[in-house]
Amino acid sequence: MQDVIGIIVTYRFGEQRAYLSWGRTHGAVDEAPLIAQLRRVLPVSVDTGEVIHVHICSDLGEVSDFAYFYEGLISFAASFEKCQGNPTFLKRLAKNDRVYQKTLYLLGKRKSQLHGPRPN
């Protein structure tokens, strides 16, 4: 898994939201512990319902069409030194759901859904 990962979440009422997060918190290969943690910390609301599916993206390109992708990427780039090569920080994220939840960056909805079809 990469240092920064994209996550696409499908909620009960059919809504999809994307997030950016730190990826190397649990391990570089096995996604299961990270997905389990995400299911515990992802927000549930009246509008979206509970989490139905969590998809860890193979690259950030899968979430680049979401509304706040570039803002999220800049935010993670600004704090990259705190994470890179800091096993204490990563272990803390893996063990503490509350701390990990604070590092999730909501990217919102897909841009294509926000703007709809363009007029001719």
PDB file of N, CA and C in Angstrom:
ATOM      1  N   MET A   1       0.829  -1.172   0.000  1.00  0.00           N
ATOM      2  CA  MET A   1       0.000   0.000   0.000  1.00  0.00           C
ATOM      3  C   MET A   1       0.885   1.250   0.000  1.00  0.00           C
ATOM      4  N   GLN A   2       0.410   2.278  -0.626  1.00  0.00           N
ATOM      5  CA  GLN A   2       1.152   3.534  -0.729  1.00  0.00           C
ATOM      6  C   GLN A   2       1.062   4.331   0.566  1.00  0.00           C
ATOM      7  N   ASP A   3       1.866   5.370   0.669  1.00  0.00           N
ATOM      8  CA  ASP A   3       1.847   6.231   1.856  1.00  0.00           C
ATOM      9  C   ASP A   3       0.498   6.920   2.024  1.00  0.00           C
ATOM     10  N   VAL A   4      -0.028   7.470   0.941  1.00  0.00           N
ATOM     11  CA  VAL A   4      -1.346   8.102   0.951  1.00  0.00           C
ATOM     12  C   VAL A   4      -2.227   7.277   0.029  1.00  0.00           C
ATOM     13  N   ILE A   5      -3.420   6.948   0.523  1.00  0.00           N
ATOM     14  CA  ILE A   5      -4.315   6.099  -0.261  1.00  0.00           C
ATOM     15  C   ILE A   5      -5.658   6.773  -0.473  1.00  0.00           C
ATOM     16  N   GLY A   6      -6.315   6.355  -1.525  1.00  0.00           N
ATOM     17  CA  GLY A   6      -7.685   6.766  -1.792  1.00  0.00           C
ATOM     18  C   GLY A   6      -8.628   5.667  -1.334  1.00  0.00           C
ATOM     19  N   ILE A   7      -9.757   6.076  -0.800  1.00  0.00           N
ATOM     20  CA  ILE A   7     -10.762   5.141  -0.302  1.00  0.00           C
ATOM     21  C   ILE A   7     -12.106   5.574  -0.870  1.00  0.00           C
ATOM     22  N   ILE A   8     -12.821   4.646  -1.480  1.00  0.00           N
ATOM     23  CA  ILE A   8     -14.170   4.934  -1.954  1.00  0.00           C
ATOM     24  C   ILE A   8     -15.133   4.124  -1.099  1.00  0.00           C
ATOM     25  N   VAL A   9     -16.094   4.830  -0.513  1.00  0.00           N
ATOM     26  CA  VAL A   9     -17.047   4.212   0.400  1.00  0.00           C
ATOM     27  C   VAL A   9     -18.440   4.289  -0.210  1.00  0.00           C
ATOM     28  N   THR A  10     -19.129   3.164  -0.216  1.00  0.00           N
ATOM     29  CA  THR A  10     -20.516   3.120  -0.662  1.00  0.00           C
ATOM     30  C   THR A  10     -21.395   2.983   0.573  1.00  0.00           C
ATOM     31  N   TYR A  11     -22.375   3.858   0.659  1.00  0.00           N
ATOM     32  CA  TYR A  11     -23.288   3.867   1.792  1.00  0.00           C
ATOM     33  C   TYR A  11     -24.622   3.226   1.414  1.00  0.00           C
ATOM     34  N   ARG A  12     -25.410   2.905   2.407  1.00  0.00           N
ATOM     35  CA  ARG A  12     -26.668   2.178   2.236  1.00  0.00           C
ATOM     36  C   ARG A  12     -27.598   2.825   1.214  1.00  0.00           C
ATOM     37  N   PHE A  13     -27.728   4.127   1.221  1.00  0.00           N
ATOM     38  CA  PHE A  13     -28.673   4.796   0.332  1.00  0.00           C
ATOM     39  C   PHE A  13     -28.080   5.075  -1.049  1.00  0.00           C
ATOM     40  N   GLY A  14     -26.990   4.372  -1.388  1.00  0.00           N
ATOM     41  CA  GLY A  14     -26.410   4.460  -2.718  1.00  0.00           C
ATOM     42  C   GLY A  14     -25.399   5.569  -2.911  1.00  0.00           C
ATOM     43  N   GLU A  15     -25.208   6.391  -1.913  1.00  0.00           N
ATOM     44  CA  GLU A  15     -24.230   7.477  -2.016  1.00  0.00           C
ATOM     45  C   GLU A  15     -22.819   6.906  -1.969  1.00  0.00           C
ATOM     46  N   GLN A  16     -21.934   7.530  -2.723  1.00  0.00           N
ATOM     47  CA  GLN A  16     -20.515   7.196  -2.661  1.00  0.00           C
ATOM     48  C   GLN A  16     -19.756   8.433  -2.228  1.00  0.00           C
ATOM     49  N   ARG A  17     -18.808   8.245  -1.338  1.00  0.00           N
ATOM     50  CA  ARG A  17     -17.919   9.315  -0.904  1.00  0.00           C
ATOM     51  C   ARG A  17     -16.499   8.788  -0.981  1.00  0.00           C
ATOM     52  N   ALA A  18     -15.576   9.688  -1.180  1.00  0.00           N
ATOM     53  CA  ALA A  18     -14.167   9.297  -1.232  1.00  0.00           C
ATOM     54  C   ALA A  18     -13.408  10.013  -0.121  1.00  0.00           C
ATOM     55  N   TYR A  19     -12.338   9.375   0.315  1.00  0.00           N
ATOM     56  CA  TYR A  19     -11.480   9.911   1.361  1.00  0.00           C
ATOM     57  C   TYR A  19     -10.034   9.686   0.969  1.00  0.00           C
ATOM     58  N   LEU A  20      -9.155  10.510   1.525  1.00  0.00           N
ATOM     59  CA  LEU A  20      -7.724  10.242   1.495  1.00  0.00           C
ATOM     60  C   LEU A  20      -7.325   9.890   2.918  1.00  0.00           C
ATOM     61  N   SER A  21      -6.322   9.030   3.029  1.00  0.00           N
ATOM     62  CA  SER A  21      -5.837   8.642   4.346  1.00  0.00           C
ATOM     63  C   SER A  21      -4.414   8.133   4.227  1.00  0.00           C
ATOM     64  N   TRP A  22      -3.786   7.916   5.388  1.00  0.00           N
ATOM     65  CA  TRP A  22      -2.465   7.308   5.422  1.00  0.00           C
ATOM     66  C   TRP A  22      -2.628   5.812   5.175  1.00  0.00           C
ATOM     67  N   GLY A  23      -1.784   5.257   4.321  1.00  0.00           N
ATOM     68  CA  GLY A  23      -1.954   3.875   3.909  1.00  0.00           C
ATOM     69  C   GLY A  23      -1.088   2.853   4.612  1.00  0.00           C
ATOM     70  N   ARG A  24       0.041   3.222   5.105  1.00  0.00           N
ATOM     71  CA  ARG A  24       0.973   2.240   5.665  1.00  0.00           C
ATOM     72  C   ARG A  24       0.809   2.073   7.177  1.00  0.00           C
ATOM     73  N   THR A  25      -0.383   2.279   7.673  1.00  0.00           N
ATOM     74  CA  THR A  25      -0.601   2.192   9.115  1.00  0.00           C
ATOM     75  C   THR A  25      -0.602   0.755   9.613  1.00  0.00           C
ATOM     76  N   HIS A  26      -1.126  -0.171   8.835  1.00  0.00           N
ATOM     77  CA  HIS A  26      -1.228  -1.561   9.275  1.00  0.00           C
ATOM     78  C   HIS A  26      -0.229  -2.486   8.611  1.00  0.00           C
ATOM     79  N   GLY A  27       0.048  -2.260   7.363  1.00  0.00           N
ATOM     80  CA  GLY A  27       0.959  -3.129   6.634  1.00  0.00           C
ATOM     81  C   GLY A  27       0.910  -2.777   5.166  1.00  0.00           C
ATOM     82  N   ALA A  28       1.922  -3.194   4.459  1.00  0.00           N
ATOM     83  CA  ALA A  28       2.034  -2.811   3.052  1.00  0.00           C
ATOM     84  C   ALA A  28       1.251  -3.721   2.112  1.00  0.00           C
ATOM     85  N   VAL A  29       0.801  -4.879   2.582  1.00  0.00           N
ATOM     86  CA  VAL A  29       0.173  -5.825   1.667  1.00  0.00           C
ATOM     87  C   VAL A  29      -1.270  -6.152   2.045  1.00  0.00           C
ATOM     88  N   ASP A  30      -1.513  -6.518   3.280  1.00  0.00           N
ATOM     89  CA  ASP A  30      -2.826  -6.975   3.708  1.00  0.00           C
ATOM     90  C   ASP A  30      -3.751  -5.791   4.000  1.00  0.00           C
ATOM     91  N   GLU A  31      -4.839  -5.675   3.236  1.00  0.00           N
ATOM     92  CA  GLU A  31      -5.794  -4.586   3.406  1.00  0.00           C
ATOM     93  C   GLU A  31      -6.794  -4.834   4.532  1.00  0.00           C
ATOM     94  N   ALA A  32      -6.968  -6.072   4.955  1.00  0.00           N
ATOM     95  CA  ALA A  32      -8.033  -6.435   5.894  1.00  0.00           C
ATOM     96  C   ALA A  32      -8.022  -5.622   7.194  1.00  0.00           C
ATOM     97  N   PRO A  33      -6.877  -5.455   7.886  1.00  0.00           N
ATOM     98  CA  PRO A  33      -6.910  -4.667   9.126  1.00  0.00           C
ATOM     99  C   PRO A  33      -7.295  -3.204   8.890  1.00  0.00           C
ATOM    100  N   LEU A  34      -6.841  -2.626   7.781  1.00  0.00           N
ATOM    101  CA  LEU A  34      -7.186  -1.244   7.468  1.00  0.00           C
ATOM    102  C   LEU A  34      -8.670  -1.116   7.160  1.00  0.00           C
ATOM    103  N   ILE A  35      -9.213  -2.034   6.387  1.00  0.00           N
ATOM    104  CA  ILE A  35     -10.641  -1.998   6.074  1.00  0.00           C
ATOM    105  C   ILE A  35     -11.473  -2.155   7.342  1.00  0.00           C
ATOM    106  N   ALA A  36     -11.055  -3.030   8.238  1.00  0.00           N
ATOM    107  CA  ALA A  36     -11.772  -3.201   9.509  1.00  0.00           C
ATOM    108  C   ALA A  36     -11.761  -1.901  10.310  1.00  0.00           C
ATOM    109  N   GLN A  37     -10.615  -1.227  10.360  1.00  0.00           N
ATOM    110  CA  GLN A  37     -10.539   0.033  11.088  1.00  0.00           C
ATOM    111  C   GLN A  37     -11.414   1.092  10.419  1.00  0.00           C
ATOM    112  N   LEU A  38     -11.388   1.155   9.103  1.00  0.00           N
ATOM    113  CA  LEU A  38     -12.210   2.129   8.386  1.00  0.00           C
ATOM    114  C   LEU A  38     -13.696   1.906   8.657  1.00  0.00           C
ATOM    115  N   ARG A  39     -14.137   0.664   8.681  1.00  0.00           N
ATOM    116  CA  ARG A  39     -15.545   0.376   8.969  1.00  0.00           C
ATOM    117  C   ARG A  39     -15.942   0.877  10.368  1.00  0.00           C
ATOM    118  N   ARG A  40     -14.988   0.892  11.292  1.00  0.00           N
ATOM    119  CA  ARG A  40     -15.278   1.378  12.648  1.00  0.00           C
ATOM    120  C   ARG A  40     -15.333   2.903  12.711  1.00  0.00           C
ATOM    121  N   VAL A  41     -14.541   3.587  11.893  1.00  0.00           N
ATOM    122  CA  VAL A  41     -14.398   5.033  12.061  1.00  0.00           C
ATOM    123  C   VAL A  41     -15.109   5.889  11.015  1.00  0.00           C
ATOM    124  N   LEU A  42     -15.538   5.302   9.902  1.00  0.00           N
ATOM    125  CA  LEU A  42     -16.192   6.106   8.874  1.00  0.00           C
ATOM    126  C   LEU A  42     -17.518   6.643   9.383  1.00  0.00           C
ATOM    127  N   PRO A  43     -17.813   7.903   9.056  1.00  0.00           N
ATOM    128  CA  PRO A  43     -19.036   8.515   9.567  1.00  0.00           C
ATOM    129  C   PRO A  43     -20.297   7.918   8.948  1.00  0.00           C
ATOM    130  N   VAL A  44     -21.342   7.869   9.747  1.00  0.00           N
ATOM    131  CA  VAL A  44     -22.676   7.433   9.321  1.00  0.00           C
ATOM    132  C   VAL A  44     -23.591   8.624   9.544  1.00  0.00           C
ATOM    133  N   SER A  45     -24.437   8.915   8.568  1.00  0.00           N
ATOM    134  CA  SER A  45     -25.359  10.038   8.730  1.00  0.00           C
ATOM    135  C   SER A  45     -26.751   9.657   8.271  1.00  0.00           C
ATOM    136  N   VAL A  46     -27.700  10.517   8.555  1.00  0.00           N
ATOM    137  CA  VAL A  46     -29.081  10.287   8.149  1.00  0.00           C
ATOM    138  C   VAL A  46     -29.179  10.277   6.631  1.00  0.00           C
ATOM    139  N   ASP A  47     -28.375  11.109   5.965  1.00  0.00           N
ATOM    140  CA  ASP A  47     -28.427  11.224   4.506  1.00  0.00           C
ATOM    141  C   ASP A  47     -27.850  10.016   3.782  1.00  0.00           C
ATOM    142  N   THR A  48     -26.819   9.401   4.350  1.00  0.00           N
ATOM    143  CA  THR A  48     -26.123   8.331   3.631  1.00  0.00           C
ATOM    144  C   THR A  48     -26.431   6.936   4.158  1.00  0.00           C
ATOM    145  N   GLY A  49     -26.745   6.817   5.428  1.00  0.00           N
ATOM    146  CA  GLY A  49     -26.930   5.497   6.033  1.00  0.00           C
ATOM    147  C   GLY A  49     -25.588   4.914   6.414  1.00  0.00           C
ATOM    148  N   GLU A  50     -25.601   3.634   6.779  1.00  0.00           N
ATOM    149  CA  GLU A  50     -24.344   3.013   7.212  1.00  0.00           C
ATOM    150  C   GLU A  50     -23.485   2.579   6.025  1.00  0.00           C
ATOM    151  N   VAL A  51     -22.246   2.274   6.319  1.00  0.00           N
ATOM    152  CA  VAL A  51     -21.268   1.866   5.307  1.00  0.00           C
ATOM    153  C   VAL A  51     -21.606   0.463   4.815  1.00  0.00           C
ATOM    154  N   ILE A  52     -21.713   0.310   3.505  1.00  0.00           N
ATOM    155  CA  ILE A  52     -21.984  -0.989   2.890  1.00  0.00           C
ATOM    156  C   ILE A  52     -20.704  -1.612   2.340  1.00  0.00           C
ATOM    157  N   HIS A  53     -19.866  -0.782   1.693  1.00  0.00           N
ATOM    158  CA  HIS A  53     -18.660  -1.307   1.057  1.00  0.00           C
ATOM    159  C   HIS A  53     -17.523  -0.286   1.175  1.00  0.00           C
ATOM    160  N   VAL A  54     -16.314  -0.788   1.449  1.00  0.00           N
ATOM    161  CA  VAL A  54     -15.115   0.040   1.508  1.00  0.00           C
ATOM    162  C   VAL A  54     -14.140  -0.490   0.469  1.00  0.00           C
ATOM    163  N   HIS A  55     -13.706   0.387  -0.433  1.00  0.00           N
ATOM    164  CA  HIS A  55     -12.766   0.012  -1.481  1.00  0.00           C
ATOM    165  C   HIS A  55     -11.480   0.812  -1.314  1.00  0.00           C
ATOM    166  N   ILE A  56     -10.366   0.117  -1.128  1.00  0.00           N
ATOM    167  CA  ILE A  56      -9.050   0.753  -1.097  1.00  0.00           C
ATOM    168  C   ILE A  56      -8.565   0.842  -2.542  1.00  0.00           C
ATOM    169  N   CYS A  57      -8.324   2.039  -3.017  1.00  0.00           N
ATOM    170  CA  CYS A  57      -7.943   2.244  -4.414  1.00  0.00           C
ATOM    171  C   CYS A  57      -6.512   1.792  -4.671  1.00  0.00           C
ATOM    172  N   SER A  58      -6.285   1.288  -5.869  1.00  0.00           N
ATOM    173  CA  SER A  58      -4.940   0.848  -6.236  1.00  0.00           C
ATOM    174  C   SER A  58      -4.027   2.036  -6.519  1.00  0.00           C
ATOM    175  N   ASP A  59      -4.605   3.181  -6.899  1.00  0.00           N
ATOM    176  CA  ASP A  59      -3.830   4.411  -7.072  1.00  0.00           C
ATOM    177  C   ASP A  59      -4.746   5.610  -6.836  1.00  0.00           C
ATOM    178  N   LEU A  60      -4.157   6.773  -6.665  1.00  0.00           N
ATOM    179  CA  LEU A  60      -4.938   7.972  -6.365  1.00  0.00           C
ATOM    180  C   LEU A  60      -5.770   8.455  -7.544  1.00  0.00           C
ATOM    181  N   GLY A  61      -5.461   7.980  -8.730  1.00  0.00           N
ATOM    182  CA  GLY A  61      -6.244   8.349  -9.903  1.00  0.00           C
ATOM    183  C   GLY A  61      -7.709   7.948  -9.790  1.00  0.00           C
ATOM    184  N   GLU A  62      -7.992   6.919  -9.020  1.00  0.00           N
ATOM    185  CA  GLU A  62      -9.374   6.470  -8.855  1.00  0.00           C
ATOM    186  C   GLU A  62     -10.229   7.477  -8.090  1.00  0.00           C
ATOM    187  N   VAL A  63      -9.601   8.332  -7.290  1.00  0.00           N
ATOM    188  CA  VAL A  63     -10.359   9.322  -6.527  1.00  0.00           C
ATOM    189  C   VAL A  63     -10.124  10.754  -7.019  1.00  0.00           C
ATOM    190  N   SER A  64      -9.389  10.903  -8.115  1.00  0.00           N
ATOM    191  CA  SER A  64      -9.045  12.243  -8.599  1.00  0.00           C
ATOM    192  C   SER A  64     -10.241  12.993  -9.180  1.00  0.00           C
ATOM    193  N   ASP A  65     -11.361  12.305  -9.429  1.00  0.00           N
ATOM    194  CA  ASP A  65     -12.554  12.948  -9.973  1.00  0.00           C
ATOM    195  C   ASP A  65     -13.514  13.403  -8.863  1.00  0.00           C
ATOM    196  N   PHE A  66     -13.096  13.314  -7.613  1.00  0.00           N
ATOM    197  CA  PHE A  66     -13.950  13.761  -6.521  1.00  0.00           C
ATOM    198  C   PHE A  66     -13.674  15.229  -6.226  1.00  0.00           C
ATOM    199  N   ALA A  67     -14.676  15.916  -5.711  1.00  0.00           N
ATOM    200  CA  ALA A  67     -14.685  17.379  -5.602  1.00  0.00           C
ATOM    201  C   ALA A  67     -13.456  17.986  -4.925  1.00  0.00           C
ATOM    202  N   TYR A  68     -12.994  17.429  -3.821  1.00  0.00           N
ATOM    203  CA  TYR A  68     -11.920  18.074  -3.065  1.00  0.00           C
ATOM    204  C   TYR A  68     -10.621  17.272  -3.093  1.00  0.00           C
ATOM    205  N   PHE A  69     -10.381  16.583  -4.192  1.00  0.00           N
ATOM    206  CA  PHE A  69      -9.186  15.757  -4.313  1.00  0.00           C
ATOM    207  C   PHE A  69      -7.907  16.579  -4.159  1.00  0.00           C
ATOM    208  N   TYR A  70      -7.788  17.663  -4.890  1.00  0.00           N
ATOM    209  CA  TYR A  70      -6.533  18.427  -4.876  1.00  0.00           C
ATOM    210  C   TYR A  70      -6.295  19.099  -3.526  1.00  0.00           C
ATOM    211  N   GLU A  71      -7.365  19.574  -2.896  1.00  0.00           N
ATOM    212  CA  GLU A  71      -7.214  20.151  -1.562  1.00  0.00           C
ATOM    213  C   GLU A  71      -6.726  19.099  -0.575  1.00  0.00           C
ATOM    214  N   GLY A  72      -7.280  17.894  -0.671  1.00  0.00           N
ATOM    215  CA  GLY A  72      -6.851  16.801   0.199  1.00  0.00           C
ATOM    216  C   GLY A  72      -5.410  16.410  -0.046  1.00  0.00           C
ATOM    217  N   LEU A  73      -5.025  16.332  -1.295  1.00  0.00           N
ATOM    218  CA  LEU A  73      -3.657  15.962  -1.647  1.00  0.00           C
ATOM    219  C   LEU A  73      -2.653  16.996  -1.117  1.00  0.00           C
ATOM    220  N   ILE A  74      -2.996  18.263  -1.224  1.00  0.00           N
ATOM    221  CA  ILE A  74      -2.122  19.314  -0.696  1.00  0.00           C
ATOM    222  C   ILE A  74      -2.020  19.202   0.823  1.00  0.00           C
ATOM    223  N   SER A  75      -3.124  18.911   1.471  1.00  0.00           N
ATOM    224  CA  SER A  75      -3.117  18.755   2.927  1.00  0.00           C
ATOM    225  C   SER A  75      -2.202  17.607   3.361  1.00  0.00           C
ATOM    226  N   PHE A  76      -2.278  16.480   2.663  1.00  0.00           N
ATOM    227  CA  PHE A  76      -1.412  15.348   3.005  1.00  0.00           C
ATOM    228  C   PHE A  76       0.039  15.639   2.669  1.00  0.00           C
ATOM    229  N   ALA A  77       0.279  16.338   1.567  1.00  0.00           N
ATOM    230  CA  ALA A  77       1.653  16.685   1.205  1.00  0.00           C
ATOM    231  C   ALA A  77       2.281  17.595   2.264  1.00  0.00           C
ATOM    232  N   ALA A  78       1.465  18.489   2.830  1.00  0.00           N
ATOM    233  CA  ALA A  78       1.983  19.412   3.843  1.00  0.00           C
ATOM    234  C   ALA A  78       2.404  18.694   5.122  1.00  0.00           C
ATOM    235  N   SER A  79       1.770  17.557   5.418  1.00  0.00           N
ATOM    236  CA  SER A  79       2.109  16.836   6.652  1.00  0.00           C
ATOM    237  C   SER A  79       2.840  15.522   6.376  1.00  0.00           C
ATOM    238  N   PHE A  80       3.370  15.376   5.171  1.00  0.00           N
ATOM    239  CA  PHE A  80       4.014  14.125   4.774  1.00  0.00           C
ATOM    240  C   PHE A  80       5.235  13.799   5.627  1.00  0.00           C
ATOM    241  N   GLU A  81       6.011  14.802   5.984  1.00  0.00           N
ATOM    242  CA  GLU A  81       7.222  14.552   6.777  1.00  0.00           C
ATOM    243  C   GLU A  81       6.900  13.966   8.143  1.00  0.00           C
ATOM    244  N   LYS A  82       5.747  14.325   8.691  1.00  0.00           N
ATOM    245  CA  LYS A  82       5.333  13.792   9.989  1.00  0.00           C
ATOM    246  C   LYS A  82       5.134  12.275   9.911  1.00  0.00           C
ATOM    247  N   CYS A  83       4.688  11.798   8.765  1.00  0.00           N
ATOM    248  CA  CYS A  83       4.371  10.382   8.599  1.00  0.00           C
ATOM    249  C   CYS A  83       5.555   9.582   8.056  1.00  0.00           C
ATOM    250  N   GLN A  84       6.208  10.102   7.040  1.00  0.00           N
ATOM    251  CA  GLN A  84       7.252   9.346   6.349  1.00  0.00           C
ATOM    252  C   GLN A  84       8.390   8.981   7.299  1.00  0.00           C
ATOM    253  N   GLY A  85       8.669   7.711   7.380  1.00  0.00           N
ATOM    254  CA  GLY A  85       9.769   7.233   8.202  1.00  0.00           C
ATOM    255  C   GLY A  85       9.535   7.373   9.698  1.00  0.00           C
ATOM    256  N   ASN A  86       8.274   7.514  10.105  1.00  0.00           N
ATOM    257  CA  ASN A  86       7.950   7.674  11.517  1.00  0.00           C
ATOM    258  C   ASN A  86       7.060   6.512  11.969  1.00  0.00           C
ATOM    259  N   PRO A  87       7.650   5.381  12.326  1.00  0.00           N
ATOM    260  CA  PRO A  87       6.849   4.220  12.704  1.00  0.00           C
ATOM    261  C   PRO A  87       5.990   4.450  13.948  1.00  0.00           C
ATOM    262  N   THR A  88       6.410   5.336  14.834  1.00  0.00           N
ATOM    263  CA  THR A  88       5.620   5.630  16.035  1.00  0.00           C
ATOM    264  C   THR A  88       4.288   6.268  15.652  1.00  0.00           C
ATOM    265  N   PHE A  89       4.331   7.225  14.730  1.00  0.00           N
ATOM    266  CA  PHE A  89       3.116   7.888  14.257  1.00  0.00           C
ATOM    267  C   PHE A  89       2.182   6.881  13.595  1.00  0.00           C
ATOM    268  N   LEU A  90       2.734   6.029  12.746  1.00  0.00           N
ATOM    269  CA  LEU A  90       1.906   5.050  12.035  1.00  0.00           C
ATOM    270  C   LEU A  90       1.298   4.024  12.994  1.00  0.00           C
ATOM    271  N   LYS A  91       2.056   3.578  13.980  1.00  0.00           N
ATOM    272  CA  LYS A  91       1.519   2.632  14.966  1.00  0.00           C
ATOM    273  C   LYS A  91       0.396   3.264  15.771  1.00  0.00           C
ATOM    274  N   ARG A  92       0.566   4.533  16.094  1.00  0.00           N
ATOM    275  CA  ARG A  92      -0.477   5.245  16.846  1.00  0.00           C
ATOM    276  C   ARG A  92      -1.770   5.304  16.031  1.00  0.00           C
ATOM    277  N   LEU A  93      -1.658   5.564  14.744  1.00  0.00           N
ATOM    278  CA  LEU A  93      -2.842   5.585  13.879  1.00  0.00           C
ATOM    279  C   LEU A  93      -3.510   4.217  13.830  1.00  0.00           C
ATOM    280  N   ALA A  94      -2.714   3.160  13.746  1.00  0.00           N
ATOM    281  CA  ALA A  94      -3.253   1.810  13.643  1.00  0.00           C
ATOM    282  C   ALA A  94      -3.967   1.385  14.923  1.00  0.00           C
ATOM    283  N   LYS A  95      -3.486   1.845  16.069  1.00  0.00           N
ATOM    284  CA  LYS A  95      -4.041   1.402  17.348  1.00  0.00           C
ATOM    285  C   LYS A  95      -5.164   2.286  17.870  1.00  0.00           C
ATOM    286  N   ASN A  96      -5.217   3.533  17.436  1.00  0.00           N
ATOM    287  CA  ASN A  96      -6.175   4.470  18.002  1.00  0.00           C
ATOM    288  C   ASN A  96      -7.157   4.942  16.926  1.00  0.00           C
ATOM    289  N   ASP A  97      -8.370   4.395  16.959  1.00  0.00           N
ATOM    290  CA  ASP A  97      -9.381   4.743  15.958  1.00  0.00           C
ATOM    291  C   ASP A  97      -9.694   6.240  15.942  1.00  0.00           C
ATOM    292  N   ARG A  98      -9.714   6.832  17.097  1.00  0.00           N
ATOM    293  CA  ARG A  98     -10.050   8.252  17.197  1.00  0.00           C
ATOM    294  C   ARG A  98      -9.004   9.121  16.491  1.00  0.00           C
ATOM    295  N   VAL A  99      -7.748   8.789  16.684  1.00  0.00           N
ATOM    296  CA  VAL A  99      -6.663   9.531  16.028  1.00  0.00           C
ATOM    297  C   VAL A  99      -6.721   9.292  14.523  1.00  0.00           C
ATOM    298  N   TYR A 100      -6.936   8.033  14.111  1.00  0.00           N
ATOM    299  CA  TYR A 100      -7.001   7.723  12.681  1.00  0.00           C
ATOM    300  C   TYR A 100      -8.165   8.452  12.015  1.00  0.00           C
ATOM    301  N   GLN A 101      -9.294   8.503  12.703  1.00  0.00           N
ATOM    302  CA  GLN A 101     -10.474   9.162  12.144  1.00  0.00           C
ATOM    303  C   GLN A 101     -10.190  10.632  11.838  1.00  0.00           C
ATOM    304  N   LYS A 102      -9.390  11.274  12.677  1.00  0.00           N
ATOM    305  CA  LYS A 102      -9.055  12.681  12.469  1.00  0.00           C
ATOM    306  C   LYS A 102      -8.172  12.897  11.251  1.00  0.00           C
ATOM    307  N   THR A 103      -7.499  11.851  10.777  1.00  0.00           N
ATOM    308  CA  THR A 103      -6.629  12.006   9.611  1.00  0.00           C
ATOM    309  C   THR A 103      -7.362  11.759   8.290  1.00  0.00           C
ATOM    310  N   LEU A 104      -8.597  11.255   8.345  1.00  0.00           N
ATOM    311  CA  LEU A 104      -9.363  11.044   7.116  1.00  0.00           C
ATOM    312  C   LEU A 104      -9.731  12.387   6.496  1.00  0.00           C
ATOM    313  N   TYR A 105      -9.532  12.512   5.192  1.00  0.00           N
ATOM    314  CA  TYR A 105      -9.869  13.745   4.490  1.00  0.00           C
ATOM    315  C   TYR A 105     -10.999  13.433   3.521  1.00  0.00           C
ATOM    316  N   LEU A 106     -12.166  14.010   3.771  1.00  0.00           N
ATOM    317  CA  LEU A 106     -13.341  13.775   2.924  1.00  0.00           C
ATOM    318  C   LEU A 106     -13.181  14.507   1.603  1.00  0.00           C
ATOM    319  N   LEU A 107     -13.284  13.764   0.516  1.00  0.00           N
ATOM    320  CA  LEU A 107     -13.174  14.346  -0.819  1.00  0.00           C
ATOM    321  C   LEU A 107     -14.529  14.690  -1.417  1.00  0.00           C
ATOM    322  N   GLY A 108     -15.593  14.277  -0.765  1.00  0.00           N
ATOM    323  CA  GLY A 108     -16.929  14.617  -1.227  1.00  0.00           C
ATOM    324  C   GLY A 108     -17.427  13.710  -2.329  1.00  0.00           C
ATOM    325  N   LYS A 109     -18.284  14.274  -3.181  1.00  0.00           N
ATOM    326  CA  LYS A 109     -18.907  13.527  -4.280  1.00  0.00           C
ATOM    327  C   LYS A 109     -18.059  13.648  -5.544  1.00  0.00           C
ATOM    328  N   ARG A 110     -18.360  12.791  -6.501  1.00  0.00           N
ATOM    329  CA  ARG A 110     -17.705  12.880  -7.811  1.00  0.00           C
ATOM    330  C   ARG A 110     -18.095  14.190  -8.486  1.00  0.00           C
ATOM    331  N   LYS A 111     -17.159  14.803  -9.176  1.00  0.00           N
ATOM    332  CA  LYS A 111     -17.429  16.067  -9.868  1.00  0.00           C
ATOM    333  C   LYS A 111     -18.500  15.884 -10.936  1.00  0.00           C
ATOM    334  N   SER A 112     -18.471  14.778 -11.633  1.00  0.00           N
ATOM    335  CA  SER A 112     -19.443  14.557 -12.700  1.00  0.00           C
ATOM    336  C   SER A 112     -20.865  14.556 -12.156  1.00  0.00           C
ATOM    337  N   GLN A 113     -21.062  14.113 -10.910  1.00  0.00           N
ATOM    338  CA  GLN A 113     -22.391  14.146 -10.297  1.00  0.00           C
ATOM    339  C   GLN A 113     -22.744  15.544  -9.832  1.00  0.00           C
ATOM    340  N   LEU A 114     -21.740  16.322  -9.437  1.00  0.00           N
ATOM    341  CA  LEU A 114     -21.998  17.680  -8.967  1.00  0.00           C
ATOM    342  C   LEU A 114     -22.444  18.602 -10.084  1.00  0.00           C
ATOM    343  N   HIS A 115     -21.781  18.501 -11.220  1.00  0.00           N
ATOM    344  CA  HIS A 115     -22.020  19.447 -12.307  1.00  0.00           C
ATOM    345  C   HIS A 115     -23.056  18.952 -13.311  1.00  0.00           C
ATOM    346  N   GLY A 116     -23.280  17.674 -13.369  1.00  0.00           N
ATOM    347  CA  GLY A 116     -24.240  17.130 -14.326  1.00  0.00           C
ATOM    348  C   GLY A 116     -23.753  17.304 -15.750  1.00  0.00           C
ATOM    349  N   PRO A 117     -24.622  16.999 -16.699  1.00  0.00           N
ATOM    350  CA  PRO A 117     -24.214  17.132 -18.104  1.00  0.00           C
ATOM    351  C   PRO A 117     -24.053  18.606 -18.497  1.00  0.00           C
ATOM    352  N   ARG A 118     -23.099  18.840 -19.365  1.00  0.00           N
ATOM    353  CA  ARG A 118     -22.863  20.207 -19.829  1.00  0.00           C
ATOM    354  C   ARG A 118     -23.821  20.537 -20.964  1.00  0.00           C
ATOM    355  N   PRO A 119     -24.359  21.773 -20.963  1.00  0.00           N
ATOM    356  CA  PRO A 119     -25.274  22.153 -22.048  1.00  0.00           C
ATOM    357  C   PRO A 119     -24.525  22.283 -23.369  1.00  0.00           C
ATOM    358  N   ASN A 120     -25.229  22.000 -24.460  1.00  0.00           N
ATOM    359  CA  ASN A 120     -24.624  22.113 -25.811  1.00  0.00           C
ATOM    360  C   ASN A 120     -24.682  23.513 -26.311  1.00  0.00           C
TER     361      ASN A 120
END
